[in-house]
């Protein structure tokens, strides 16, 4: 189980670093993962599942990260 979580975290880091290297990944109280990304002094938090149930959940997280990063450019 620990290997799966470690592998999931590496995948999240690769996904986030497509957009920014200025980020934090922390466990959330709800059993999820809290991802905070920063751009130009602004920050957004996106939540990801601790263990994804299927490949679509990771695609959804990537979309949330991309959208949050893009919104910070407009703000």
PDB file of N, CA and C in Angstrom:
ATOM      1  N   UNK A   1       0.818  -1.195   0.000  1.00  0.00           N
ATOM      2  CA  UNK A   1       0.000   0.000   0.000  1.00  0.00           C
ATOM      3  C   UNK A   1       0.864   1.263   0.000  1.00  0.00           C
ATOM      4  N   UNK A   2       1.926   1.273   0.786  1.00  0.00           N
ATOM      5  CA  UNK A   2       2.791   2.449   0.861  1.00  0.00           C
ATOM      6  C   UNK A   2       3.443   2.728  -0.479  1.00  0.00           C
ATOM      7  N   UNK A   3       3.794   1.672  -1.226  1.00  0.00           N
ATOM      8  CA  UNK A   3       4.383   1.870  -2.551  1.00  0.00           C
ATOM      9  C   UNK A   3       3.389   2.525  -3.488  1.00  0.00           C
ATOM     10  N   UNK A   4       2.126   2.159  -3.377  1.00  0.00           N
ATOM     11  CA  UNK A   4       1.096   2.738  -4.230  1.00  0.00           C
ATOM     12  C   UNK A   4       0.943   4.222  -3.950  1.00  0.00           C
ATOM     13  N   UNK A   5       0.940   4.587  -2.683  1.00  0.00           N
ATOM     14  CA  UNK A   5       0.805   5.994  -2.312  1.00  0.00           C
ATOM     15  C   UNK A   5       2.034   6.779  -2.768  1.00  0.00           C
ATOM     16  N   UNK A   6       3.203   6.209  -2.593  1.00  0.00           N
ATOM     17  CA  UNK A   6       4.431   6.862  -3.040  1.00  0.00           C
ATOM     18  C   UNK A   6       4.412   7.068  -4.556  1.00  0.00           C
ATOM     19  N   UNK A   7       3.970   6.059  -5.284  1.00  0.00           N
ATOM     20  CA  UNK A   7       3.884   6.135  -6.738  1.00  0.00           C
ATOM     21  C   UNK A   7       2.855   7.203  -7.151  1.00  0.00           C
ATOM     22  N   UNK A   8       1.744   7.250  -6.455  1.00  0.00           N
ATOM     23  CA  UNK A   8       0.698   8.246  -6.718  1.00  0.00           C
ATOM     24  C   UNK A   8       1.243   9.652  -6.488  1.00  0.00           C
ATOM     25  N   UNK A   9       1.997   9.837  -5.415  1.00  0.00           N
ATOM     26  CA  UNK A   9       2.572  11.149  -5.115  1.00  0.00           C
ATOM     27  C   UNK A   9       3.555  11.582  -6.199  1.00  0.00           C
ATOM     28  N   UNK A  10       4.382  10.662  -6.679  1.00  0.00           N
ATOM     29  CA  UNK A  10       5.322  10.985  -7.763  1.00  0.00           C
ATOM     30  C   UNK A  10       4.575  11.405  -9.018  1.00  0.00           C
ATOM     31  N   UNK A  11       3.487  10.708  -9.303  1.00  0.00           N
ATOM     32  CA  UNK A  11       2.674  11.053 -10.464  1.00  0.00           C
ATOM     33  C   UNK A  11       2.062  12.443 -10.308  1.00  0.00           C
ATOM     34  N   UNK A  12       1.601  12.761  -9.103  1.00  0.00           N
ATOM     35  CA  UNK A  12       1.055  14.096  -8.836  1.00  0.00           C
ATOM     36  C   UNK A  12       2.115  15.175  -9.031  1.00  0.00           C
ATOM     37  N   UNK A  13       3.319  14.935  -8.530  1.00  0.00           N
ATOM     38  CA  UNK A  13       4.394  15.917  -8.666  1.00  0.00           C
ATOM     39  C   UNK A  13       4.702  16.155 -10.140  1.00  0.00           C
ATOM     40  N   UNK A  14       4.805  15.090 -10.923  1.00  0.00           N
ATOM     41  CA  UNK A  14       5.060  15.251 -12.369  1.00  0.00           C
ATOM     42  C   UNK A  14       3.948  16.064 -13.024  1.00  0.00           C
ATOM     43  N   UNK A  15       2.717  15.785 -12.638  1.00  0.00           N
ATOM     44  CA  UNK A  15       1.571  16.464 -13.206  1.00  0.00           C
ATOM     45  C   UNK A  15       1.595  17.961 -12.862  1.00  0.00           C
ATOM     46  N   UNK A  16       1.888  18.281 -11.620  1.00  0.00           N
ATOM     47  CA  UNK A  16       1.918  19.673 -11.164  1.00  0.00           C
ATOM     48  C   UNK A  16       3.067  20.428 -11.821  1.00  0.00           C
ATOM     49  N   UNK A  17       4.206  19.782 -11.945  1.00  0.00           N
ATOM     50  CA  UNK A  17       5.379  20.462 -12.483  1.00  0.00           C
ATOM     51  C   UNK A  17       5.284  20.713 -13.985  1.00  0.00           C
ATOM     52  N   UNK A  18       4.227  20.236 -14.644  1.00  0.00           N
ATOM     53  CA  UNK A  18       3.964  20.645 -16.018  1.00  0.00           C
ATOM     54  C   UNK A  18       3.616  22.133 -16.046  1.00  0.00           C
ATOM     55  N   UNK A  19       3.080  22.640 -14.925  1.00  0.00           N
ATOM     56  CA  UNK A  19       2.612  24.017 -14.856  1.00  0.00           C
ATOM     57  C   UNK A  19       3.499  24.896 -13.981  1.00  0.00           C
ATOM     58  N   UNK A  20       3.915  24.386 -12.827  1.00  0.00           N
ATOM     59  CA  UNK A  20       4.701  25.203 -11.899  1.00  0.00           C
ATOM     60  C   UNK A  20       5.541  24.319 -10.968  1.00  0.00           C
ATOM     61  N   UNK A  21       6.661  24.865 -10.535  1.00  0.00           N
ATOM     62  CA  UNK A  21       7.471  24.166  -9.543  1.00  0.00           C
ATOM     63  C   UNK A  21       7.208  24.726  -8.144  1.00  0.00           C
ATOM     64  N   UNK A  22       6.432  25.801  -8.070  1.00  0.00           N
ATOM     65  CA  UNK A  22       6.112  26.433  -6.792  1.00  0.00           C
ATOM     66  C   UNK A  22       4.805  25.844  -6.258  1.00  0.00           C
ATOM     67  N   UNK A  23       4.920  24.755  -5.493  1.00  0.00           N
ATOM     68  CA  UNK A  23       3.741  24.062  -4.988  1.00  0.00           C
ATOM     69  C   UNK A  23       4.049  23.346  -3.684  1.00  0.00           C
ATOM     70  N   UNK A  24       2.996  22.990  -2.972  1.00  0.00           N
ATOM     71  CA  UNK A  24       3.083  22.179  -1.752  1.00  0.00           C
ATOM     72  C   UNK A  24       2.074  21.057  -1.864  1.00  0.00           C
ATOM     73  N   UNK A  25       2.461  19.879  -1.396  1.00  0.00           N
ATOM     74  CA  UNK A  25       1.551  18.744  -1.340  1.00  0.00           C
ATOM     75  C   UNK A  25       1.511  18.274   0.108  1.00  0.00           C
ATOM     76  N   UNK A  26       0.317  18.283   0.683  1.00  0.00           N
ATOM     77  CA  UNK A  26       0.142  17.903   2.088  1.00  0.00           C
ATOM     78  C   UNK A  26      -1.090  17.027   2.240  1.00  0.00           C
ATOM     79  N   UNK A  27      -1.099  16.169   3.259  1.00  0.00           N
ATOM     80  CA  UNK A  27      -2.324  15.406   3.526  1.00  0.00           C
ATOM     81  C   UNK A  27      -3.395  16.337   4.085  1.00  0.00           C
ATOM     82  N   UNK A  28      -4.628  16.130   3.691  1.00  0.00           N
ATOM     83  CA  UNK A  28      -5.753  16.907   4.217  1.00  0.00           C
ATOM     84  C   UNK A  28      -6.434  16.086   5.312  1.00  0.00           C
ATOM     85  N   UNK A  29      -7.171  16.751   6.154  1.00  0.00           N
ATOM     86  CA  UNK A  29      -7.850  16.056   7.251  1.00  0.00           C
ATOM     87  C   UNK A  29      -8.894  15.067   6.749  1.00  0.00           C
ATOM     88  N   UNK A  30      -9.398  15.291   5.556  1.00  0.00           N
ATOM     89  CA  UNK A  30     -10.482  14.458   5.018  1.00  0.00           C
ATOM     90  C   UNK A  30      -9.995  13.146   4.407  1.00  0.00           C
ATOM     91  N   UNK A  31      -8.695  12.877   4.464  1.00  0.00           N
ATOM     92  CA  UNK A  31      -8.166  11.667   3.848  1.00  0.00           C
ATOM     93  C   UNK A  31      -7.806  11.863   2.391  1.00  0.00           C
ATOM     94  N   UNK A  32      -7.767  13.110   1.960  1.00  0.00           N
ATOM     95  CA  UNK A  32      -7.378  13.434   0.602  1.00  0.00           C
ATOM     96  C   UNK A  32      -6.000  14.091   0.623  1.00  0.00           C
ATOM     97  N   UNK A  33      -5.558  14.553  -0.519  1.00  0.00           N
ATOM     98  CA  UNK A  33      -4.289  15.264  -0.628  1.00  0.00           C
ATOM     99  C   UNK A  33      -4.597  16.702  -1.016  1.00  0.00           C
ATOM    100  N   UNK A  34      -3.994  17.638  -0.306  1.00  0.00           N
ATOM    101  CA  UNK A  34      -4.165  19.057  -0.577  1.00  0.00           C
ATOM    102  C   UNK A  34      -2.961  19.530  -1.396  1.00  0.00           C
ATOM    103  N   UNK A  35      -3.234  20.111  -2.555  1.00  0.00           N
ATOM    104  CA  UNK A  35      -2.180  20.616  -3.436  1.00  0.00           C
ATOM    105  C   UNK A  35      -2.346  22.125  -3.522  1.00  0.00           C
ATOM    106  N   UNK A  36      -1.341  22.866  -3.085  1.00  0.00           N
ATOM    107  CA  UNK A  36      -1.363  24.318  -3.165  1.00  0.00           C
ATOM    108  C   UNK A  36      -0.371  24.735  -4.235  1.00  0.00           C
ATOM    109  N   UNK A  37      -0.870  25.452  -5.244  1.00  0.00           N
ATOM    110  CA  UNK A  37       0.013  25.953  -6.298  1.00  0.00           C
ATOM    111  C   UNK A  37       0.041  27.471  -6.222  1.00  0.00           C
ATOM    112  N   UNK A  38       1.183  28.046  -6.571  1.00  0.00           N
ATOM    113  CA  UNK A  38       1.354  29.490  -6.493  1.00  0.00           C
ATOM    114  C   UNK A  38       1.817  30.044  -7.837  1.00  0.00           C
ATOM    115  N   UNK A  39       1.331  31.269  -8.131  1.00  0.00           N
ATOM    116  CA  UNK A  39       1.739  31.957  -9.350  1.00  0.00           C
ATOM    117  C   UNK A  39       1.551  33.451  -9.136  1.00  0.00           C
ATOM    118  N   UNK A  40       2.597  34.218  -9.351  1.00  0.00           N
ATOM    119  CA  UNK A  40       2.553  35.682  -9.256  1.00  0.00           C
ATOM    120  C   UNK A  40       1.955  36.183  -7.942  1.00  0.00           C
ATOM    121  N   UNK A  41       2.317  35.559  -6.841  1.00  0.00           N
ATOM    122  CA  UNK A  41       1.837  35.989  -5.535  1.00  0.00           C
ATOM    123  C   UNK A  41       0.466  35.458  -5.152  1.00  0.00           C
ATOM    124  N   UNK A  42      -0.235  34.834  -6.076  1.00  0.00           N
ATOM    125  CA  UNK A  42      -1.551  34.248  -5.784  1.00  0.00           C
ATOM    126  C   UNK A  42      -1.368  32.758  -5.528  1.00  0.00           C
ATOM    127  N   UNK A  43      -2.335  32.162  -4.846  1.00  0.00           N
ATOM    128  CA  UNK A  43      -2.274  30.720  -4.633  1.00  0.00           C
ATOM    129  C   UNK A  43      -3.675  30.117  -4.706  1.00  0.00           C
ATOM    130  N   UNK A  44      -3.724  28.869  -5.102  1.00  0.00           N
ATOM    131  CA  UNK A  44      -4.974  28.111  -5.177  1.00  0.00           C
ATOM    132  C   UNK A  44      -4.720  26.735  -4.571  1.00  0.00           C
ATOM    133  N   UNK A  45      -5.742  26.162  -3.963  1.00  0.00           N
ATOM    134  CA  UNK A  45      -5.647  24.823  -3.396  1.00  0.00           C
ATOM    135  C   UNK A  45      -6.594  23.900  -4.149  1.00  0.00           C
ATOM    136  N   UNK A  46      -6.055  22.754  -4.534  1.00  0.00           N
ATOM    137  CA  UNK A  46      -6.810  21.726  -5.244  1.00  0.00           C
ATOM    138  C   UNK A  46      -6.706  20.453  -4.411  1.00  0.00           C
ATOM    139  N   UNK A  47      -7.781  19.692  -4.347  1.00  0.00           N
ATOM    140  CA  UNK A  47      -7.768  18.444  -3.593  1.00  0.00           C
ATOM    141  C   UNK A  47      -7.765  17.259  -4.533  1.00  0.00           C
ATOM    142  N   UNK A  48      -6.991  16.242  -4.157  1.00  0.00           N
ATOM    143  CA  UNK A  48      -6.881  15.017  -4.946  1.00  0.00           C
ATOM    144  C   UNK A  48      -7.153  13.835  -4.027  1.00  0.00           C
ATOM    145  N   UNK A  49      -7.629  12.725  -4.588  1.00  0.00           N
ATOM    146  CA  UNK A  49      -7.847  11.538  -3.756  1.00  0.00           C
ATOM    147  C   UNK A  49      -6.515  10.956  -3.277  1.00  0.00           C
ATOM    148  N   UNK A  50      -6.519  10.382  -2.097  1.00  0.00           N
ATOM    149  CA  UNK A  50      -5.298   9.772  -1.568  1.00  0.00           C
ATOM    150  C   UNK A  50      -4.884   8.580  -2.420  1.00  0.00           C
ATOM    151  N   UNK A  51      -5.847   7.765  -2.784  1.00  0.00           N
ATOM    152  CA  UNK A  51      -5.588   6.642  -3.690  1.00  0.00           C
ATOM    153  C   UNK A  51      -6.631   6.707  -4.794  1.00  0.00           C
ATOM    154  N   UNK A  52      -6.241   7.022  -6.003  1.00  0.00           N
ATOM    155  CA  UNK A  52      -7.221   7.157  -7.082  1.00  0.00           C
ATOM    156  C   UNK A  52      -7.889   5.822  -7.396  1.00  0.00           C
ATOM    157  N   UNK A  53      -9.178   5.869  -7.635  1.00  0.00           N
ATOM    158  CA  UNK A  53      -9.914   4.642  -7.926  1.00  0.00           C
ATOM    159  C   UNK A  53      -9.726   4.199  -9.369  1.00  0.00           C
ATOM    160  N   UNK A  54      -9.524   5.134 -10.254  1.00  0.00           N
ATOM    161  CA  UNK A  54      -9.265   4.794 -11.650  1.00  0.00           C
ATOM    162  C   UNK A  54      -8.505   5.929 -12.326  1.00  0.00           C
ATOM    163  N   UNK A  55      -8.145   5.744 -13.583  1.00  0.00           N
ATOM    164  CA  UNK A  55      -7.325   6.725 -14.286  1.00  0.00           C
ATOM    165  C   UNK A  55      -8.048   8.055 -14.491  1.00  0.00           C
ATOM    166  N   UNK A  56      -9.383   8.043 -14.512  1.00  0.00           N
ATOM    167  CA  UNK A  56     -10.123   9.282 -14.741  1.00  0.00           C
ATOM    168  C   UNK A  56      -9.974  10.267 -13.583  1.00  0.00           C
ATOM    169  N   UNK A  57      -9.813   9.756 -12.375  1.00  0.00           N
ATOM    170  CA  UNK A  57      -9.659  10.671 -11.236  1.00  0.00           C
ATOM    171  C   UNK A  57      -8.372  11.477 -11.373  1.00  0.00           C
ATOM    172  N   UNK A  58      -7.316  10.867 -11.885  1.00  0.00           N
ATOM    173  CA  UNK A  58      -6.059  11.599 -12.095  1.00  0.00           C
ATOM    174  C   UNK A  58      -6.213  12.612 -13.229  1.00  0.00           C
ATOM    175  N   UNK A  59      -6.970  12.271 -14.251  1.00  0.00           N
ATOM    176  CA  UNK A  59      -7.231  13.227 -15.332  1.00  0.00           C
ATOM    177  C   UNK A  59      -8.029  14.418 -14.810  1.00  0.00           C
ATOM    178  N   UNK A  60      -8.968  14.155 -13.910  1.00  0.00           N
ATOM    179  CA  UNK A  60      -9.757  15.235 -13.309  1.00  0.00           C
ATOM    180  C   UNK A  60      -8.881  16.148 -12.459  1.00  0.00           C
ATOM    181  N   UNK A  61      -7.957  15.574 -11.712  1.00  0.00           N
ATOM    182  CA  UNK A  61      -7.045  16.374 -10.886  1.00  0.00           C
ATOM    183  C   UNK A  61      -6.172  17.244 -11.787  1.00  0.00           C
ATOM    184  N   UNK A  62      -5.667  16.673 -12.872  1.00  0.00           N
ATOM    185  CA  UNK A  62      -4.833  17.445 -13.806  1.00  0.00           C
ATOM    186  C   UNK A  62      -5.620  18.625 -14.369  1.00  0.00           C
ATOM    187  N   UNK A  63      -6.887  18.394 -14.710  1.00  0.00           N
ATOM    188  CA  UNK A  63      -7.733  19.463 -15.224  1.00  0.00           C
ATOM    189  C   UNK A  63      -7.942  20.550 -14.174  1.00  0.00           C
ATOM    190  N   UNK A  64      -8.167  20.156 -12.920  1.00  0.00           N
ATOM    191  CA  UNK A  64      -8.339  21.140 -11.836  1.00  0.00           C
ATOM    192  C   UNK A  64      -7.079  21.970 -11.641  1.00  0.00           C
ATOM    193  N   UNK A  65      -5.913  21.323 -11.713  1.00  0.00           N
ATOM    194  CA  UNK A  65      -4.639  22.038 -11.547  1.00  0.00           C
ATOM    195  C   UNK A  65      -4.441  23.026 -12.687  1.00  0.00           C
ATOM    196  N   UNK A  66      -4.666  22.570 -13.911  1.00  0.00           N
ATOM    197  CA  UNK A  66      -4.502  23.439 -15.082  1.00  0.00           C
ATOM    198  C   UNK A  66      -5.440  24.634 -14.993  1.00  0.00           C
ATOM    199  N   UNK A  67      -6.695  24.384 -14.640  1.00  0.00           N
ATOM    200  CA  UNK A  67      -7.681  25.457 -14.548  1.00  0.00           C
ATOM    201  C   UNK A  67      -7.293  26.469 -13.463  1.00  0.00           C
ATOM    202  N   UNK A  68      -6.873  25.973 -12.297  1.00  0.00           N
ATOM    203  CA  UNK A  68      -6.483  26.881 -11.207  1.00  0.00           C
ATOM    204  C   UNK A  68      -5.277  27.714 -11.606  1.00  0.00           C
ATOM    205  N   UNK A  69      -4.312  27.085 -12.271  1.00  0.00           N
ATOM    206  CA  UNK A  69      -3.107  27.814 -12.697  1.00  0.00           C
ATOM    207  C   UNK A  69      -3.454  28.881 -13.731  1.00  0.00           C
ATOM    208  N   UNK A  70      -4.332  28.559 -14.663  1.00  0.00           N
ATOM    209  CA  UNK A  70      -4.750  29.514 -15.689  1.00  0.00           C
ATOM    210  C   UNK A  70      -5.534  30.671 -15.086  1.00  0.00           C
ATOM    211  N   UNK A  71      -6.405  30.377 -14.121  1.00  0.00           N
ATOM    212  CA  UNK A  71      -7.195  31.438 -13.471  1.00  0.00           C
ATOM    213  C   UNK A  71      -6.299  32.425 -12.736  1.00  0.00           C
ATOM    214  N   UNK A  72      -5.195  31.960 -12.189  1.00  0.00           N
ATOM    215  CA  UNK A  72      -4.297  32.877 -11.470  1.00  0.00           C
ATOM    216  C   UNK A  72      -3.626  33.844 -12.424  1.00  0.00           C
ATOM    217  N   UNK A  73      -3.440  33.476 -13.677  1.00  0.00           N
ATOM    218  CA  UNK A  73      -2.840  34.379 -14.656  1.00  0.00           C
ATOM    219  C   UNK A  73      -3.801  35.512 -14.996  1.00  0.00           C
ATOM    220  N   UNK A  74      -5.091  35.201 -15.017  1.00  0.00           N
ATOM    221  CA  UNK A  74      -6.100  36.196 -15.358  1.00  0.00           C
ATOM    222  C   UNK A  74      -6.372  37.155 -14.206  1.00  0.00           C
ATOM    223  N   UNK A  75      -6.126  36.707 -12.988  1.00  0.00           N
ATOM    224  CA  UNK A  75      -6.441  37.543 -11.817  1.00  0.00           C
ATOM    225  C   UNK A  75      -5.424  38.626 -11.594  1.00  0.00           C
TER     226      UNK A  75
END
